[in-house]
N, C-alpha and C. Protein backbone atom coordinates (compact mmCIF):
# COMPACT_ATOMS: atom_id res chain seq x y z
N MET A 1 -5.67 -2.53 10.43
CA MET A 1 -6.99 -1.94 10.33
C MET A 1 -7.01 -0.74 9.37
N GLN A 2 -5.91 0.00 9.34
CA GLN A 2 -5.88 1.16 8.44
C GLN A 2 -6.01 0.74 6.99
N GLY A 3 -5.41 -0.40 6.63
CA GLY A 3 -5.52 -0.90 5.27
C GLY A 3 -6.97 -1.15 4.88
N LEU A 4 -7.74 -1.74 5.80
CA LEU A 4 -9.17 -1.96 5.55
C LEU A 4 -9.89 -0.64 5.31
N ALA A 5 -9.56 0.34 6.12
CA ALA A 5 -10.22 1.65 6.01
C ALA A 5 -9.87 2.33 4.68
N PHE A 6 -8.59 2.32 4.31
CA PHE A 6 -8.20 2.94 3.05
C PHE A 6 -8.83 2.22 1.86
N ASN A 7 -8.88 0.89 1.91
CA ASN A 7 -9.52 0.15 0.83
C ASN A 7 -11.01 0.49 0.73
N ALA A 8 -11.66 0.66 1.87
CA ALA A 8 -13.09 1.02 1.87
C ALA A 8 -13.31 2.37 1.20
N VAL A 9 -12.46 3.34 1.50
CA VAL A 9 -12.60 4.67 0.89
C VAL A 9 -12.32 4.59 -0.61
N GLY A 10 -11.31 3.82 -1.00
CA GLY A 10 -11.01 3.66 -2.41
C GLY A 10 -12.18 3.04 -3.16
N ARG A 11 -12.78 2.00 -2.58
CA ARG A 11 -13.95 1.39 -3.23
C ARG A 11 -15.11 2.37 -3.29
N TYR A 12 -15.29 3.16 -2.26
CA TYR A 12 -16.34 4.18 -2.25
C TYR A 12 -16.18 5.13 -3.43
N CYS A 13 -14.94 5.55 -3.67
CA CYS A 13 -14.67 6.46 -4.80
C CYS A 13 -15.14 5.84 -6.11
N ILE A 14 -14.84 4.57 -6.31
CA ILE A 14 -15.22 3.89 -7.55
C ILE A 14 -16.71 3.67 -7.62
N LEU A 15 -17.28 3.11 -6.56
CA LEU A 15 -18.70 2.76 -6.55
C LEU A 15 -19.61 3.97 -6.71
N HIS A 16 -19.14 5.14 -6.30
CA HIS A 16 -19.96 6.35 -6.37
C HIS A 16 -19.60 7.25 -7.55
N ASP A 17 -18.72 6.77 -8.41
CA ASP A 17 -18.46 7.49 -9.65
C ASP A 17 -19.69 7.33 -10.54
N PRO A 18 -20.22 8.42 -11.09
CA PRO A 18 -21.43 8.32 -11.91
C PRO A 18 -21.28 7.38 -13.12
N ASN A 19 -20.06 7.12 -13.56
CA ASN A 19 -19.85 6.23 -14.70
C ASN A 19 -19.63 4.78 -14.31
N PHE A 20 -19.77 4.45 -13.03
CA PHE A 20 -19.56 3.07 -12.60
C PHE A 20 -20.63 2.14 -13.17
N ALA A 21 -21.84 2.59 -13.25
CA ALA A 21 -22.96 1.83 -13.86
C ALA A 21 -23.10 0.43 -13.30
N GLY A 22 -22.97 0.31 -11.99
CA GLY A 22 -23.13 -0.99 -11.36
C GLY A 22 -22.07 -1.99 -11.78
N GLY A 23 -20.97 -1.52 -12.31
CA GLY A 23 -19.88 -2.40 -12.75
C GLY A 23 -19.96 -2.78 -14.21
N ASP A 24 -21.04 -2.37 -14.89
CA ASP A 24 -21.22 -2.70 -16.31
C ASP A 24 -20.95 -1.45 -17.14
N TYR A 25 -19.71 -1.04 -17.17
CA TYR A 25 -19.32 0.21 -17.83
C TYR A 25 -18.48 -0.01 -19.08
N TYR A 26 -18.35 -1.24 -19.53
CA TYR A 26 -17.40 -1.54 -20.60
C TYR A 26 -17.79 -0.99 -21.97
N ASP A 27 -19.05 -0.65 -22.15
CA ASP A 27 -19.47 -0.03 -23.41
C ASP A 27 -19.49 1.49 -23.31
N GLY A 28 -19.09 2.01 -22.17
CA GLY A 28 -19.11 3.45 -21.96
C GLY A 28 -17.77 3.97 -21.49
N GLU A 29 -17.84 5.11 -20.82
CA GLU A 29 -16.63 5.81 -20.39
C GLU A 29 -15.93 5.11 -19.23
N GLY A 30 -16.64 4.57 -18.30
CA GLY A 30 -16.03 3.93 -17.15
C GLY A 30 -15.76 4.91 -16.02
N PRO A 31 -15.57 4.37 -14.82
CA PRO A 31 -15.40 5.21 -13.62
C PRO A 31 -13.97 5.71 -13.44
N GLY A 32 -13.47 6.44 -14.41
CA GLY A 32 -12.09 6.91 -14.37
C GLY A 32 -11.80 7.82 -13.19
N ALA A 33 -12.70 8.74 -12.90
CA ALA A 33 -12.46 9.65 -11.77
C ALA A 33 -12.43 8.89 -10.45
N GLY A 34 -13.33 7.94 -10.29
CA GLY A 34 -13.36 7.15 -9.06
C GLY A 34 -12.13 6.29 -8.90
N LEU A 35 -11.71 5.64 -9.99
CA LEU A 35 -10.51 4.80 -9.94
C LEU A 35 -9.26 5.66 -9.69
N ALA A 36 -9.20 6.82 -10.32
CA ALA A 36 -8.07 7.73 -10.10
C ALA A 36 -8.04 8.17 -8.64
N GLY A 37 -9.19 8.51 -8.07
CA GLY A 37 -9.25 8.90 -6.67
C GLY A 37 -8.81 7.78 -5.74
N ALA A 38 -9.25 6.55 -6.05
CA ALA A 38 -8.86 5.39 -5.25
C ALA A 38 -7.34 5.20 -5.29
N ARG A 39 -6.76 5.34 -6.48
CA ARG A 39 -5.31 5.18 -6.64
C ARG A 39 -4.55 6.29 -5.92
N MET A 40 -5.05 7.51 -6.00
CA MET A 40 -4.40 8.62 -5.32
C MET A 40 -4.36 8.37 -3.82
N LEU A 41 -5.48 7.93 -3.27
CA LEU A 41 -5.54 7.63 -1.85
C LEU A 41 -4.59 6.49 -1.50
N ALA A 42 -4.61 5.43 -2.29
CA ALA A 42 -3.73 4.30 -2.03
C ALA A 42 -2.27 4.73 -2.12
N HIS A 43 -1.97 5.58 -3.10
CA HIS A 43 -0.58 5.99 -3.29
C HIS A 43 -0.05 6.76 -2.07
N ILE A 44 -0.89 7.50 -1.42
CA ILE A 44 -0.47 8.20 -0.20
C ILE A 44 -0.02 7.19 0.85
N THR A 45 -0.70 6.04 0.92
CA THR A 45 -0.34 5.03 1.92
C THR A 45 0.99 4.37 1.61
N TYR A 46 1.47 4.48 0.38
CA TYR A 46 2.75 3.87 0.02
C TYR A 46 3.93 4.74 0.43
N LEU A 47 3.68 6.00 0.73
CA LEU A 47 4.73 6.95 1.04
C LEU A 47 4.79 7.18 2.55
N SER A 48 5.74 7.96 2.99
CA SER A 48 5.81 8.36 4.40
C SER A 48 5.74 9.88 4.45
N ASP A 49 5.41 10.41 5.62
CA ASP A 49 5.35 11.85 5.78
C ASP A 49 6.71 12.48 5.49
N GLU A 50 7.76 11.85 6.02
CA GLU A 50 9.12 12.37 5.81
C GLU A 50 9.48 12.34 4.32
N GLY A 51 9.16 11.25 3.66
CA GLY A 51 9.47 11.14 2.24
C GLY A 51 8.69 12.14 1.40
N MET A 52 7.42 12.37 1.74
CA MET A 52 6.61 13.34 1.01
C MET A 52 7.14 14.75 1.24
N HIS A 53 7.54 15.02 2.47
CA HIS A 53 8.09 16.34 2.78
C HIS A 53 9.37 16.58 1.99
N GLU A 54 10.22 15.56 1.94
CA GLU A 54 11.49 15.69 1.22
C GLU A 54 11.25 15.86 -0.28
N LYS A 55 10.32 15.10 -0.82
CA LYS A 55 10.08 15.10 -2.27
C LYS A 55 9.30 16.33 -2.73
N PHE A 56 8.32 16.77 -1.92
CA PHE A 56 7.43 17.84 -2.36
C PHE A 56 7.43 19.07 -1.47
N GLY A 57 7.54 18.86 -0.16
CA GLY A 57 7.38 19.98 0.77
C GLY A 57 6.06 20.69 0.50
N ARG A 58 6.09 21.98 0.58
CA ARG A 58 4.89 22.78 0.27
C ARG A 58 5.10 23.53 -1.05
N ARG A 59 5.95 22.94 -1.89
CA ARG A 59 6.32 23.57 -3.15
C ARG A 59 5.10 23.72 -4.07
N LEU A 60 4.97 24.90 -4.62
CA LEU A 60 3.91 25.17 -5.58
C LEU A 60 4.38 24.75 -6.97
N GLN A 61 3.44 24.39 -7.81
CA GLN A 61 3.74 24.15 -9.22
C GLN A 61 4.15 25.47 -9.85
N ASP A 62 4.97 25.41 -10.87
CA ASP A 62 5.43 26.63 -11.54
C ASP A 62 4.28 27.50 -12.00
N ASP A 63 3.25 26.88 -12.57
CA ASP A 63 2.14 27.67 -13.09
C ASP A 63 1.17 28.11 -12.00
N ALA A 64 1.42 27.73 -10.75
CA ALA A 64 0.54 28.12 -9.65
C ALA A 64 1.04 29.37 -8.93
N ASN A 65 2.24 29.82 -9.25
CA ASN A 65 2.78 31.00 -8.57
C ASN A 65 1.85 32.19 -8.78
N GLY A 66 1.59 32.88 -7.73
CA GLY A 66 0.72 34.04 -7.79
C GLY A 66 -0.74 33.70 -7.53
N ARG A 67 -1.12 32.44 -7.70
CA ARG A 67 -2.49 32.02 -7.40
C ARG A 67 -2.51 31.41 -6.01
N GLN A 68 -3.55 31.67 -5.30
CA GLN A 68 -3.73 31.01 -4.01
C GLN A 68 -5.20 30.84 -3.76
N GLY A 69 -5.54 29.70 -3.24
CA GLY A 69 -6.91 29.46 -2.83
C GLY A 69 -7.80 28.85 -3.88
N GLY A 70 -7.26 28.57 -5.06
CA GLY A 70 -8.07 27.89 -6.08
C GLY A 70 -8.17 26.41 -5.76
N PHE A 71 -8.94 25.71 -6.56
CA PHE A 71 -9.11 24.28 -6.32
C PHE A 71 -8.48 23.42 -7.41
N GLY A 72 -7.70 24.04 -8.27
CA GLY A 72 -6.95 23.28 -9.27
C GLY A 72 -5.69 22.72 -8.66
N ILE A 73 -4.83 22.22 -9.49
CA ILE A 73 -3.56 21.65 -9.02
C ILE A 73 -2.57 22.79 -8.84
N GLU A 74 -2.29 23.11 -7.59
CA GLU A 74 -1.38 24.20 -7.28
C GLU A 74 -0.10 23.73 -6.62
N PHE A 75 -0.16 22.64 -5.86
CA PHE A 75 1.01 22.14 -5.14
C PHE A 75 1.62 20.96 -5.89
N ALA A 76 2.92 20.79 -5.74
CA ALA A 76 3.63 19.70 -6.42
C ALA A 76 3.07 18.34 -6.04
N VAL A 77 2.70 18.16 -4.78
CA VAL A 77 2.15 16.87 -4.35
C VAL A 77 0.81 16.60 -5.05
N GLU A 78 0.04 17.64 -5.29
CA GLU A 78 -1.22 17.46 -6.03
C GLU A 78 -0.95 17.00 -7.46
N SER A 79 0.03 17.59 -8.08
CA SER A 79 0.39 17.22 -9.45
C SER A 79 0.85 15.77 -9.51
N TYR A 80 1.66 15.37 -8.55
CA TYR A 80 2.17 14.01 -8.48
C TYR A 80 1.02 13.01 -8.33
N LEU A 81 0.12 13.28 -7.39
CA LEU A 81 -1.00 12.37 -7.16
C LEU A 81 -1.93 12.32 -8.36
N ASP A 82 -2.17 13.48 -8.97
CA ASP A 82 -3.01 13.54 -10.16
C ASP A 82 -2.41 12.66 -11.26
N TYR A 83 -1.12 12.77 -11.47
CA TYR A 83 -0.45 11.95 -12.48
C TYR A 83 -0.60 10.46 -12.16
N GLN A 84 -0.35 10.09 -10.90
CA GLN A 84 -0.46 8.68 -10.50
C GLN A 84 -1.87 8.16 -10.74
N GLY A 85 -2.88 8.95 -10.41
CA GLY A 85 -4.26 8.54 -10.62
C GLY A 85 -4.58 8.37 -12.10
N ARG A 86 -4.21 9.35 -12.92
CA ARG A 86 -4.52 9.28 -14.35
C ARG A 86 -3.77 8.13 -15.02
N ALA A 87 -2.51 7.92 -14.67
CA ALA A 87 -1.73 6.85 -15.27
C ALA A 87 -2.30 5.48 -14.90
N PHE A 88 -2.80 5.35 -13.69
CA PHE A 88 -3.37 4.08 -13.23
C PHE A 88 -4.63 3.74 -14.02
N VAL A 89 -5.46 4.73 -14.29
CA VAL A 89 -6.71 4.52 -15.03
C VAL A 89 -6.42 3.96 -16.43
N GLU A 90 -5.31 4.35 -17.00
CA GLU A 90 -4.96 3.89 -18.35
C GLU A 90 -4.55 2.42 -18.39
N ARG A 91 -4.17 1.85 -17.25
CA ARG A 91 -3.65 0.48 -17.27
C ARG A 91 -4.37 -0.48 -16.33
N PHE A 92 -5.42 -0.02 -15.66
CA PHE A 92 -6.06 -0.89 -14.67
C PHE A 92 -7.56 -0.77 -14.76
N ASP A 93 -8.26 -1.84 -14.44
CA ASP A 93 -9.71 -1.87 -14.49
C ASP A 93 -10.32 -1.66 -13.10
N ALA A 94 -11.36 -0.87 -13.03
CA ALA A 94 -11.99 -0.54 -11.74
C ALA A 94 -12.59 -1.78 -11.06
N ASN A 95 -13.25 -2.65 -11.81
CA ASN A 95 -13.80 -3.86 -11.20
C ASN A 95 -12.70 -4.73 -10.62
N SER A 96 -11.57 -4.82 -11.30
CA SER A 96 -10.44 -5.58 -10.77
C SER A 96 -9.96 -4.98 -9.45
N TYR A 97 -9.90 -3.66 -9.42
CA TYR A 97 -9.47 -2.97 -8.20
C TYR A 97 -10.41 -3.31 -7.04
N LEU A 98 -11.71 -3.29 -7.31
CA LEU A 98 -12.69 -3.61 -6.27
C LEU A 98 -12.47 -5.02 -5.72
N TYR A 99 -12.33 -5.99 -6.62
CA TYR A 99 -12.19 -7.37 -6.18
C TYR A 99 -10.86 -7.65 -5.51
N ILE A 100 -9.79 -7.06 -6.01
CA ILE A 100 -8.48 -7.28 -5.39
C ILE A 100 -8.44 -6.69 -3.99
N THR A 101 -8.95 -5.48 -3.82
CA THR A 101 -8.91 -4.88 -2.48
C THR A 101 -9.82 -5.64 -1.52
N ARG A 102 -10.95 -6.12 -2.00
CA ARG A 102 -11.84 -6.90 -1.12
C ARG A 102 -11.17 -8.22 -0.74
N ALA A 103 -10.50 -8.87 -1.67
CA ALA A 103 -9.80 -10.12 -1.36
C ALA A 103 -8.71 -9.87 -0.32
N MET A 104 -7.98 -8.76 -0.47
CA MET A 104 -6.94 -8.43 0.51
C MET A 104 -7.57 -8.19 1.88
N ASP A 105 -8.72 -7.54 1.92
CA ASP A 105 -9.39 -7.27 3.19
C ASP A 105 -9.75 -8.56 3.92
N TYR A 106 -10.22 -9.56 3.16
CA TYR A 106 -10.70 -10.79 3.78
C TYR A 106 -9.59 -11.77 4.13
N TYR A 107 -8.40 -11.58 3.59
CA TYR A 107 -7.33 -12.53 3.89
C TYR A 107 -6.96 -12.43 5.37
N ASP A 108 -7.09 -13.52 6.08
CA ASP A 108 -6.77 -13.59 7.50
C ASP A 108 -6.25 -14.99 7.80
N ALA A 109 -4.93 -15.15 7.79
CA ALA A 109 -4.32 -16.46 7.99
C ALA A 109 -4.68 -17.04 9.35
N ALA A 110 -4.75 -16.20 10.38
CA ALA A 110 -5.08 -16.70 11.72
C ALA A 110 -6.46 -17.32 11.74
N ALA A 111 -7.42 -16.69 11.11
CA ALA A 111 -8.79 -17.23 11.09
C ALA A 111 -8.88 -18.46 10.20
N ALA A 112 -8.23 -18.42 9.06
CA ALA A 112 -8.35 -19.50 8.08
C ALA A 112 -7.65 -20.78 8.51
N TRP A 113 -6.46 -20.65 9.13
CA TRP A 113 -5.65 -21.84 9.40
C TRP A 113 -5.23 -21.99 10.86
N GLY A 114 -5.70 -21.10 11.72
CA GLY A 114 -5.26 -21.21 13.11
C GLY A 114 -6.36 -21.07 14.13
N GLY A 115 -7.62 -21.16 13.70
CA GLY A 115 -8.72 -21.01 14.66
C GLY A 115 -8.69 -19.66 15.36
N GLY A 116 -8.17 -18.65 14.69
CA GLY A 116 -8.06 -17.32 15.27
C GLY A 116 -6.70 -17.01 15.85
N SER A 117 -5.83 -18.00 15.90
CA SER A 117 -4.49 -17.83 16.46
C SER A 117 -3.45 -17.78 15.34
N LEU A 118 -2.72 -16.68 15.28
CA LEU A 118 -1.66 -16.56 14.28
C LEU A 118 -0.56 -17.58 14.56
N THR A 119 -0.27 -17.83 15.82
CA THR A 119 0.75 -18.83 16.18
C THR A 119 0.36 -20.20 15.64
N GLU A 120 -0.89 -20.58 15.83
CA GLU A 120 -1.36 -21.88 15.32
C GLU A 120 -1.29 -21.92 13.80
N ALA A 121 -1.65 -20.85 13.14
CA ALA A 121 -1.57 -20.81 11.68
C ALA A 121 -0.12 -20.96 11.22
N CYS A 122 0.81 -20.39 11.96
CA CYS A 122 2.23 -20.46 11.59
C CYS A 122 2.80 -21.86 11.72
N ARG A 123 2.16 -22.72 12.48
CA ARG A 123 2.65 -24.10 12.64
C ARG A 123 2.63 -24.85 11.30
N ARG A 124 1.83 -24.39 10.36
CA ARG A 124 1.75 -25.02 9.03
C ARG A 124 2.99 -24.72 8.18
N ILE A 125 3.72 -23.70 8.53
CA ILE A 125 4.86 -23.25 7.72
C ILE A 125 6.04 -24.19 7.93
N ARG A 126 6.66 -24.59 6.83
CA ARG A 126 7.80 -25.51 6.89
C ARG A 126 9.10 -24.84 6.46
N ALA A 127 9.03 -23.69 5.83
CA ALA A 127 10.22 -23.01 5.32
C ALA A 127 10.81 -22.07 6.37
N LYS A 128 12.08 -21.78 6.21
CA LYS A 128 12.70 -20.73 7.02
C LYS A 128 12.15 -19.42 6.49
N MET A 129 11.92 -18.48 7.39
CA MET A 129 11.26 -17.23 7.01
C MET A 129 12.17 -16.03 7.27
N LEU A 130 12.11 -15.09 6.35
CA LEU A 130 12.73 -13.78 6.51
C LEU A 130 11.62 -12.75 6.44
N ILE A 131 11.47 -11.98 7.48
CA ILE A 131 10.46 -10.92 7.52
C ILE A 131 11.19 -9.59 7.61
N VAL A 132 10.90 -8.72 6.66
CA VAL A 132 11.53 -7.41 6.62
C VAL A 132 10.45 -6.35 6.72
N SER A 133 10.62 -5.44 7.66
CA SER A 133 9.71 -4.29 7.76
C SER A 133 10.53 -3.02 7.56
N PHE A 134 9.82 -1.93 7.36
CA PHE A 134 10.46 -0.62 7.18
C PHE A 134 9.88 0.33 8.21
N ASP A 135 10.75 1.05 8.89
CA ASP A 135 10.30 1.84 10.04
C ASP A 135 9.31 2.95 9.67
N SER A 136 9.24 3.36 8.41
CA SER A 136 8.31 4.42 8.02
C SER A 136 7.08 3.91 7.28
N ASP A 137 6.92 2.59 7.20
CA ASP A 137 5.77 2.00 6.51
C ASP A 137 4.57 1.99 7.44
N TRP A 138 3.58 2.78 7.14
CA TRP A 138 2.40 2.79 8.00
C TRP A 138 1.25 2.03 7.37
N LEU A 139 1.43 1.47 6.17
CA LEU A 139 0.42 0.57 5.60
C LEU A 139 0.57 -0.82 6.22
N TYR A 140 1.81 -1.29 6.31
CA TYR A 140 2.15 -2.53 7.01
C TYR A 140 3.24 -2.19 8.01
N PRO A 141 2.86 -1.62 9.15
CA PRO A 141 3.85 -1.11 10.10
C PRO A 141 4.70 -2.21 10.73
N PRO A 142 5.87 -1.83 11.22
CA PRO A 142 6.77 -2.81 11.84
C PRO A 142 6.10 -3.64 12.94
N GLU A 143 5.17 -3.06 13.67
CA GLU A 143 4.50 -3.80 14.75
C GLU A 143 3.79 -5.04 14.21
N VAL A 144 3.19 -4.93 13.03
CA VAL A 144 2.48 -6.06 12.43
C VAL A 144 3.48 -7.13 11.99
N CYS A 145 4.60 -6.70 11.43
CA CYS A 145 5.64 -7.64 11.01
C CYS A 145 6.26 -8.33 12.22
N LYS A 146 6.47 -7.57 13.31
CA LYS A 146 6.99 -8.16 14.54
C LYS A 146 6.02 -9.19 15.10
N GLU A 147 4.72 -8.90 15.00
CA GLU A 147 3.69 -9.84 15.48
C GLU A 147 3.81 -11.17 14.73
N LEU A 148 4.01 -11.12 13.42
CA LEU A 148 4.18 -12.35 12.64
C LEU A 148 5.47 -13.07 13.04
N ALA A 149 6.56 -12.34 13.19
CA ALA A 149 7.83 -12.95 13.61
C ALA A 149 7.69 -13.61 14.97
N LEU A 150 7.00 -12.96 15.89
CA LEU A 150 6.78 -13.53 17.22
C LEU A 150 5.93 -14.79 17.14
N ALA A 151 4.88 -14.77 16.32
CA ALA A 151 4.03 -15.96 16.16
C ALA A 151 4.83 -17.12 15.59
N LEU A 152 5.70 -16.84 14.63
CA LEU A 152 6.56 -17.90 14.07
C LEU A 152 7.49 -18.46 15.14
N THR A 153 8.06 -17.58 15.96
CA THR A 153 8.94 -18.01 17.05
C THR A 153 8.17 -18.87 18.05
N GLN A 154 6.96 -18.44 18.40
CA GLN A 154 6.14 -19.20 19.34
C GLN A 154 5.72 -20.56 18.76
N ALA A 155 5.66 -20.64 17.44
CA ALA A 155 5.33 -21.90 16.77
C ALA A 155 6.59 -22.73 16.50
N ASN A 156 7.73 -22.28 17.04
CA ASN A 156 9.02 -22.96 16.86
C ASN A 156 9.41 -23.09 15.40
N ARG A 157 9.18 -22.03 14.65
CA ARG A 157 9.57 -22.00 13.24
C ARG A 157 10.75 -21.05 13.09
N PRO A 158 11.74 -21.41 12.26
CA PRO A 158 12.91 -20.54 12.10
C PRO A 158 12.54 -19.24 11.37
N VAL A 159 12.85 -18.12 12.01
CA VAL A 159 12.49 -16.82 11.44
C VAL A 159 13.61 -15.82 11.71
N THR A 160 13.86 -15.00 10.73
CA THR A 160 14.77 -13.87 10.86
C THR A 160 13.94 -12.62 10.62
N TYR A 161 14.07 -11.66 11.51
CA TYR A 161 13.31 -10.41 11.37
C TYR A 161 14.28 -9.24 11.32
N ALA A 162 14.01 -8.32 10.39
CA ALA A 162 14.81 -7.10 10.31
C ALA A 162 13.88 -5.92 10.07
N ASN A 163 14.12 -4.84 10.79
CA ASN A 163 13.39 -3.59 10.58
C ASN A 163 14.39 -2.59 9.97
N VAL A 164 14.12 -2.22 8.73
CA VAL A 164 15.05 -1.38 7.98
C VAL A 164 14.68 0.09 8.12
N PRO A 165 15.63 0.94 8.52
CA PRO A 165 15.35 2.37 8.56
C PRO A 165 15.26 2.92 7.13
N SER A 166 14.20 3.64 6.86
CA SER A 166 14.00 4.21 5.54
C SER A 166 12.94 5.30 5.63
N HIS A 167 13.03 6.31 4.80
CA HIS A 167 11.98 7.34 4.81
C HIS A 167 11.07 7.22 3.59
N TYR A 168 11.07 6.05 2.93
CA TYR A 168 10.26 5.86 1.73
C TYR A 168 8.91 5.18 2.00
N GLY A 169 8.56 4.93 3.25
CA GLY A 169 7.27 4.33 3.56
C GLY A 169 7.15 2.93 3.00
N HIS A 170 5.93 2.55 2.60
CA HIS A 170 5.67 1.22 2.07
C HIS A 170 6.48 0.96 0.80
N ASP A 171 6.75 1.98 0.03
CA ASP A 171 7.52 1.83 -1.20
C ASP A 171 9.00 1.52 -0.94
N SER A 172 9.41 1.46 0.31
CA SER A 172 10.81 1.20 0.64
C SER A 172 11.32 -0.08 -0.01
N PHE A 173 10.47 -1.10 -0.09
CA PHE A 173 10.93 -2.36 -0.66
C PHE A 173 11.29 -2.21 -2.13
N LEU A 174 10.73 -1.20 -2.79
CA LEU A 174 11.06 -0.93 -4.19
C LEU A 174 12.29 -0.05 -4.34
N VAL A 175 12.58 0.75 -3.31
CA VAL A 175 13.64 1.75 -3.40
C VAL A 175 14.92 1.30 -2.68
N GLU A 176 14.77 0.65 -1.57
CA GLU A 176 15.92 0.25 -0.75
C GLU A 176 16.46 -1.10 -1.21
N THR A 177 16.71 -1.22 -2.50
CA THR A 177 17.11 -2.51 -3.07
C THR A 177 18.46 -2.99 -2.54
N GLU A 178 19.37 -2.09 -2.28
CA GLU A 178 20.68 -2.49 -1.76
C GLU A 178 20.54 -3.09 -0.36
N LYS A 179 19.79 -2.40 0.50
CA LYS A 179 19.59 -2.89 1.88
C LYS A 179 18.86 -4.23 1.88
N VAL A 180 17.78 -4.31 1.11
CA VAL A 180 16.99 -5.54 1.07
C VAL A 180 17.80 -6.66 0.42
N GLY A 181 18.54 -6.32 -0.63
CA GLY A 181 19.39 -7.31 -1.29
C GLY A 181 20.41 -7.92 -0.35
N ARG A 182 21.02 -7.06 0.47
CA ARG A 182 21.99 -7.54 1.46
C ARG A 182 21.33 -8.52 2.43
N LEU A 183 20.14 -8.16 2.91
CA LEU A 183 19.42 -9.05 3.83
C LEU A 183 19.09 -10.38 3.16
N LEU A 184 18.60 -10.32 1.92
CA LEU A 184 18.25 -11.54 1.20
C LEU A 184 19.47 -12.43 0.94
N ARG A 185 20.57 -11.82 0.50
CA ARG A 185 21.78 -12.59 0.25
C ARG A 185 22.26 -13.30 1.53
N GLY A 186 22.25 -12.57 2.63
CA GLY A 186 22.66 -13.16 3.90
C GLY A 186 21.72 -14.28 4.33
N PHE A 187 20.44 -14.07 4.18
CA PHE A 187 19.45 -15.08 4.55
C PHE A 187 19.60 -16.33 3.68
N LEU A 188 19.73 -16.15 2.38
CA LEU A 188 19.83 -17.30 1.46
C LEU A 188 21.16 -18.04 1.61
N ALA A 189 22.18 -17.33 2.06
CA ALA A 189 23.49 -17.97 2.23
C ALA A 189 23.52 -18.89 3.45
N ARG A 190 22.61 -18.68 4.39
CA ARG A 190 22.59 -19.51 5.59
C ARG A 190 21.96 -20.84 5.38
């Protein structure tokens, strides 16, 4: 449910950017501020509190020393998010972001292929499955991954489930390559 909520706020940022122009912005400036805001919000969901604390803490930017209470970029985490937002605008289209997040919101395997039952939907699966979750991922928390593993088990489908300890949040799959690689090699060897 949190993913739906974050996607809704991200779309709100884009749709309410004055340069959105109903999605017909290609001859103009485009909704850069809205898309950057959406990306900044999404990027927070990829991290974990522990990882953000370790990476940024409450560290001020070098040029922010002596200033307090302004609304510019004063903290390191603000600088990081600002960079992520601006870099995303340079390589991604706002309309694409809107449609991709909406498509993700509507994807529901249980409804589409199981009459509302995830177990029934899993009966269609013929491959052996490896499901890996990360204990600090709150975008796709371990409970959701366990629910899928349980549905596969209830559907008598072969499944291996692993919950990997990591403080990198959702981005763990990009960072914990050694741990994930070990799991994949073991799974594929069987």
